[in-house]
Amino acid sequence: MPSPVPFGAFDVPPEHALLTVDMKEYSQLPEAKMAPARADLDSMLTTVFAQCGIGDATLLGGVKDRGDGAIFVLPARHAARLVDPLLVHLGQALERREQTRLASAPTIRLRASVHVGPLAPPDHRGDAANDACRLVDSEAARRAMTAAVDHGVLLAAAVSDTIFGRTVAAGRTPALKEHHFHRAIARVEGKPGFEQTCWLIVPGLVPSVLAPYLSQDSGAVPADGPRQAAQRSTKDTTAKESSDAVRQKGRASGKARLIQVGRDYISSQEQS
């Protein structure tokens, strides 16, 4: 007689919202400037979390650079706030720092992603964390960052299709509407199982500015009504377009600190 399955062994873990940030060209900084730049970013994020009404947000683990970014894990109820107002506040914080930084301090340019999904306790690991890293490292997000740099903007973000449908398309983001986003397909070289619809935003730039940076073979998708596109499943979308798309270069190392913020706290963990 087979042994009984442990209670809860196959239960779906609770969902969490994830914010992923990655500093552009951080690894190219002189070693002496890495820690100060990271400290500045941590300070900005702490302030931005507070501005967004995410209580008791904190950054744990100090400065330990395996990669050049971090994942912040929050209760799923904060998902909409990670899009609006957080992305706008984060862009403004980066701009304020840029205007006041010393000449010797490096500019901080940031890619970000927002995602949601189940994560297994106590370490909050799972596909959702992996996909959040891949979104921020996708070719689509990198090209959005190129557009931002070319126009003097310091932040580019990729919002997952799931997040977009639950927040923007659902009317839970007062300042950011569907027309503020550019729909694209996120792909990462070496990750053939990853191909997802995402929604790009560069605060301060209209989506039409992003369009020239994204072509059919670099993650763009045909024009479509945002609400209709958000309601279409990612599976159907990628199945239709993957046959014509060419996989692009990118990197998803997953090397980021996994940090719980909000009411419940866990120790900082390293994603492998």
Protein backbone atom coordinates (compact mmCIF):
# COMPACT_ATOMS: atom_id res chain seq x y z
CA MET A 1 0.00 0.00 0.00
CA PRO A 2 1.54 3.32 -1.04
CA SER A 3 2.38 5.76 1.70
CA PRO A 4 -0.04 8.66 2.02
CA VAL A 5 0.94 11.94 0.42
CA PRO A 6 1.97 14.47 3.08
CA PHE A 7 -0.77 16.99 3.77
CA GLY A 8 -0.33 20.08 1.61
CA ALA A 9 2.50 18.62 -0.47
CA PHE A 10 0.79 19.57 -3.73
CA ASP A 11 -1.04 22.68 -2.61
CA VAL A 12 -0.41 25.78 -4.73
CA PRO A 13 1.69 28.23 -2.67
CA PRO A 14 0.25 31.64 -1.83
CA GLU A 15 0.69 34.38 -4.39
CA HIS A 16 3.07 37.29 -3.92
CA ALA A 17 3.75 40.44 -5.89
CA LEU A 18 7.32 40.96 -7.08
CA LEU A 19 9.29 44.05 -7.98
CA THR A 20 12.63 43.39 -9.68
CA VAL A 21 15.23 46.10 -10.21
CA ASP A 22 18.50 45.92 -12.11
CA MET A 23 21.07 48.68 -12.48
CA LYS A 24 22.32 49.18 -16.01
CA GLU A 25 26.07 48.65 -16.39
CA TYR A 26 26.54 48.25 -12.65
CA SER A 27 29.20 45.59 -13.15
CA GLN A 28 31.23 48.09 -15.17
CA LEU A 29 31.55 50.53 -12.27
CA PRO A 30 34.87 50.78 -10.45
CA GLU A 31 34.70 48.58 -7.39
CA ALA A 32 34.98 51.55 -5.04
CA LYS A 33 31.77 53.04 -6.49
CA MET A 34 29.63 49.91 -6.37
CA ALA A 35 28.66 50.00 -2.71
CA PRO A 36 27.80 53.74 -2.62
CA ALA A 37 25.66 53.40 -5.75
CA ARG A 38 23.83 50.43 -4.31
CA ALA A 39 23.29 52.25 -1.02
CA ASP A 40 21.80 55.20 -2.92
CA LEU A 41 19.43 52.84 -4.75
CA ASP A 42 18.38 51.13 -1.52
CA SER A 43 17.68 54.49 0.09
CA MET A 44 15.59 55.63 -2.87
CA LEU A 45 13.57 52.42 -2.85
CA THR A 46 12.89 52.66 0.88
CA THR A 47 11.53 56.18 0.36
CA VAL A 48 9.49 55.15 -2.69
CA PHE A 49 7.90 52.22 -0.85
CA ALA A 50 6.83 54.60 1.90
CA GLN A 51 5.43 57.07 -0.65
CA CYS A 52 3.35 54.26 -2.11
CA GLY A 53 1.75 53.38 1.21
CA ILE A 54 3.52 50.04 1.57
CA GLY A 55 3.95 50.03 5.32
CA ASP A 56 7.19 49.18 7.06
CA ALA A 57 9.01 48.50 3.80
CA THR A 58 12.68 47.85 4.38
CA LEU A 59 15.73 46.54 2.57
CA LEU A 60 17.46 43.65 4.28
CA GLY A 61 20.89 42.13 3.84
CA GLY A 62 22.97 45.28 3.39
CA VAL A 63 25.09 45.40 0.24
CA LYS A 64 26.18 42.09 -1.22
CA ASP A 65 26.63 42.18 -4.96
CA ARG A 66 26.40 38.87 -6.74
CA GLY A 67 24.49 40.48 -9.54
CA ASP A 68 23.32 44.02 -10.00
CA GLY A 69 19.75 43.90 -8.81
CA ALA A 70 17.25 42.71 -6.24
CA ILE A 71 13.81 41.15 -6.06
CA PHE A 72 11.33 42.52 -3.54
CA VAL A 73 8.57 40.15 -2.47
CA LEU A 74 5.38 41.71 -1.18
CA PRO A 75 1.87 40.59 -0.30
CA ALA A 76 -0.16 40.19 -3.50
CA ARG A 77 -2.52 42.96 -2.39
CA HIS A 78 0.23 45.49 -3.19
CA ALA A 79 0.43 44.49 -6.87
CA ALA A 80 -1.31 47.59 -8.21
CA ARG A 81 0.82 49.93 -6.10
CA LEU A 82 3.98 48.46 -7.61
CA VAL A 83 2.77 49.80 -10.96
CA ASP A 84 1.07 53.01 -9.88
CA PRO A 85 2.31 55.04 -8.13
CA LEU A 86 5.63 53.21 -7.61
CA LEU A 87 7.00 53.39 -11.15
CA VAL A 88 6.33 57.12 -11.39
CA HIS A 89 7.81 57.80 -7.93
CA LEU A 90 10.86 55.67 -8.72
CA GLY A 91 11.51 57.56 -11.94
CA GLN A 92 11.23 60.86 -10.08
CA ALA A 93 13.59 59.66 -7.33
CA LEU A 94 16.20 58.66 -9.90
CA GLU A 95 15.88 62.06 -11.56
CA ARG A 96 16.28 63.93 -8.25
CA ARG A 97 19.42 61.97 -7.48
CA GLU A 98 20.78 62.68 -10.95
CA GLN A 99 20.26 66.42 -10.50
CA THR A 100 21.99 66.52 -7.12
CA ARG A 101 24.68 63.82 -7.33
CA LEU A 102 28.35 64.68 -7.11
CA ALA A 103 30.27 64.58 -10.36
CA SER A 104 32.22 61.61 -9.03
CA ALA A 105 29.05 59.59 -8.37
CA PRO A 106 27.77 57.42 -11.23
CA THR A 107 24.40 57.89 -12.87
CA ILE A 108 21.93 55.20 -11.87
CA ARG A 109 19.86 53.86 -14.77
CA LEU A 110 17.37 51.22 -13.79
CA ARG A 111 15.41 48.47 -15.45
CA ALA A 112 12.47 47.15 -13.44
CA SER A 113 9.81 44.48 -13.74
CA VAL A 114 6.57 43.84 -11.90
CA HIS A 115 5.08 40.36 -11.69
CA VAL A 116 2.87 38.19 -9.47
CA GLY A 117 2.68 34.49 -8.79
CA PRO A 118 2.91 31.68 -6.23
CA LEU A 119 6.08 31.38 -4.17
CA ALA A 120 6.78 28.51 -1.80
CA PRO A 121 7.53 29.41 1.83
CA PRO A 122 9.69 29.93 3.75
CA ASP A 123 12.26 31.08 1.17
CA HIS A 124 9.71 32.33 -1.37
CA ARG A 125 11.12 30.43 -4.31
CA GLY A 126 9.32 29.47 -7.49
CA ASP A 127 8.78 30.14 -11.18
CA ALA A 128 7.33 33.58 -10.45
CA ALA A 129 10.68 34.78 -9.09
CA ASN A 130 12.52 33.29 -12.06
CA ASP A 131 10.13 34.91 -14.52
CA ALA A 132 10.45 38.28 -12.79
CA CYS A 133 14.22 38.12 -13.36
CA ARG A 134 13.73 37.11 -16.98
CA LEU A 135 11.32 39.95 -17.60
CA VAL A 136 13.82 42.52 -16.38
CA ASP A 137 16.59 40.92 -18.44
CA SER A 138 14.51 40.39 -21.59
CA GLU A 139 15.50 41.94 -24.89
CA ALA A 140 12.29 43.96 -24.84
CA ALA A 141 13.18 45.53 -21.48
CA ARG A 142 16.72 46.22 -22.64
CA ARG A 143 15.50 47.98 -25.77
CA ALA A 144 13.12 50.05 -23.68
CA MET A 145 16.14 51.02 -21.57
CA THR A 146 17.98 52.05 -24.73
CA ALA A 147 15.06 54.31 -25.63
CA ALA A 148 15.14 55.76 -22.12
CA VAL A 149 18.87 56.48 -22.30
CA ASP A 150 18.52 58.11 -25.72
CA HIS A 151 15.88 60.47 -24.35
CA GLY A 152 17.52 61.25 -21.03
CA VAL A 153 15.21 59.08 -18.90
CA LEU A 154 16.58 56.87 -16.13
CA LEU A 155 13.93 54.14 -15.75
CA ALA A 156 12.39 51.53 -18.04
CA ALA A 157 9.98 48.88 -16.78
CA ALA A 158 8.35 45.69 -18.03
CA VAL A 159 5.02 44.75 -16.48
CA SER A 160 3.90 41.14 -16.87
CA ASP A 161 0.69 40.39 -18.72
CA THR A 162 -0.85 39.00 -15.53
CA ILE A 163 -0.06 42.15 -13.57
CA PHE A 164 -1.27 44.35 -16.43
CA GLY A 165 -4.60 42.56 -16.59
CA ARG A 166 -5.17 42.66 -12.83
CA THR A 167 -4.10 46.27 -12.32
CA VAL A 168 -4.02 48.57 -15.36
CA ALA A 169 -6.73 46.93 -17.47
CA ALA A 170 -8.81 46.40 -14.34
CA GLY A 171 -8.76 50.12 -13.55
CA ARG A 172 -6.68 49.89 -10.38
CA THR A 173 -3.97 52.35 -11.48
CA PRO A 174 -5.37 55.90 -11.29
CA ALA A 175 -2.47 57.72 -12.99
CA LEU A 176 -1.29 55.08 -15.47
CA LYS A 177 -3.71 53.97 -18.15
CA GLU A 178 -3.55 51.41 -20.92
CA HIS A 179 -2.32 53.97 -23.46
CA HIS A 180 0.81 54.63 -21.39
CA PHE A 181 2.16 51.12 -22.14
CA HIS A 182 3.70 49.47 -25.19
CA ARG A 183 2.87 45.80 -25.67
CA ALA A 184 5.77 43.47 -26.49
CA ILE A 185 6.98 39.88 -26.20
CA ALA A 186 9.67 39.19 -23.60
CA ARG A 187 12.26 36.59 -24.62
CA VAL A 188 15.65 35.65 -23.19
CA GLU A 189 18.39 33.79 -25.03
CA GLY A 190 19.07 30.40 -23.53
CA LYS A 191 15.61 30.21 -21.96
CA PRO A 192 13.52 28.56 -24.69
CA GLY A 193 10.65 27.93 -22.30
CA PHE A 194 10.27 31.62 -21.54
CA GLU A 195 8.27 33.74 -23.96
CA GLN A 196 5.65 36.01 -22.45
CA THR A 197 3.64 39.07 -23.27
CA CYS A 198 4.79 42.10 -21.33
CA TRP A 199 3.87 45.77 -21.22
CA LEU A 200 6.70 48.28 -21.42
CA ILE A 201 6.67 51.71 -19.86
CA VAL A 202 9.28 54.45 -19.71
CA PRO A 203 7.86 57.14 -17.42
CA GLY A 204 7.98 60.41 -19.31
CA LEU A 205 7.94 58.86 -22.80
CA VAL A 206 4.87 58.01 -24.85
CA PRO A 207 4.70 54.45 -26.24
CA SER A 208 5.12 55.69 -29.83
CA VAL A 209 8.68 56.68 -28.91
CA LEU A 210 9.42 53.08 -27.93
CA ALA A 211 8.04 51.59 -31.14
CA PRO A 212 11.11 52.28 -33.34
CA TYR A 213 13.29 50.46 -30.80
CA LEU A 214 11.17 47.33 -31.10
CA SER A 215 10.78 45.48 -34.37
CA GLN A 216 8.99 42.26 -35.25
CA ASP A 217 12.14 40.23 -34.59
CA SER A 218 13.03 41.97 -31.33
CA GLY A 219 9.93 41.43 -29.26
CA ALA A 220 7.34 43.76 -30.73
CA VAL A 221 3.83 42.62 -31.49
CA PRO A 222 1.26 43.99 -33.93
CA ALA A 223 -0.83 46.92 -32.76
CA ASP A 224 -3.83 45.78 -30.80
CA GLY A 225 -6.36 47.23 -28.42
CA PRO A 226 -4.71 47.16 -24.99
CA ARG A 227 -7.75 45.80 -23.19
CA GLN A 228 -8.36 43.08 -25.74
CA ALA A 229 -4.69 42.17 -25.69
CA ALA A 230 -4.60 42.03 -21.90
CA GLN A 231 -7.59 39.71 -21.85
CA ARG A 232 -6.02 37.35 -24.39
CA SER A 233 -4.07 34.58 -22.71
CA THR A 234 -0.31 34.69 -22.92
CA LYS A 235 -0.32 31.13 -24.20
CA ASP A 236 -2.46 31.97 -27.21
CA THR A 237 -0.47 35.10 -27.98
CA THR A 238 2.94 33.48 -27.90
CA ALA A 239 1.78 30.44 -29.85
CA LYS A 240 0.59 32.69 -32.67
CA GLU A 241 3.72 34.81 -32.89
CA SER A 242 6.60 32.55 -31.90
CA SER A 243 6.84 30.93 -35.34
CA ASP A 244 7.80 34.28 -36.90
CA ALA A 245 9.97 35.62 -34.11
CA VAL A 246 13.73 35.37 -33.79
CA ARG A 247 15.03 34.81 -30.30
CA GLN A 248 17.18 37.68 -29.16
CA LYS A 249 20.19 38.07 -26.95
CA GLY A 250 19.62 38.63 -23.27
CA ARG A 251 20.63 37.26 -19.93
CA ALA A 252 18.67 36.11 -16.92
CA SER A 253 21.22 35.18 -14.33
CA GLY A 254 18.73 35.20 -11.47
CA LYS A 255 21.50 36.58 -9.29
CA ALA A 256 19.50 38.84 -7.05
CA ARG A 257 18.60 39.14 -3.42
CA LEU A 258 15.12 37.86 -2.51
CA ILE A 259 13.70 40.20 0.08
CA GLN A 260 10.36 40.16 1.89
CA VAL A 261 8.83 43.57 2.51
CA GLY A 262 5.54 44.59 4.05
CA ARG A 263 4.18 43.11 7.23
CA ASP A 264 6.08 39.85 7.16
CA TYR A 265 9.84 39.69 6.97
CA ILE A 266 12.33 37.00 6.01
CA SER A 267 16.08 37.02 5.88
CA SER A 268 17.71 38.10 2.62
CA GLN A 269 18.26 35.18 0.26
CA GLU A 270 20.36 34.87 -2.87
CA GLN A 271 18.69 33.62 -6.03
CA SER A 272 20.77 30.96 -7.74
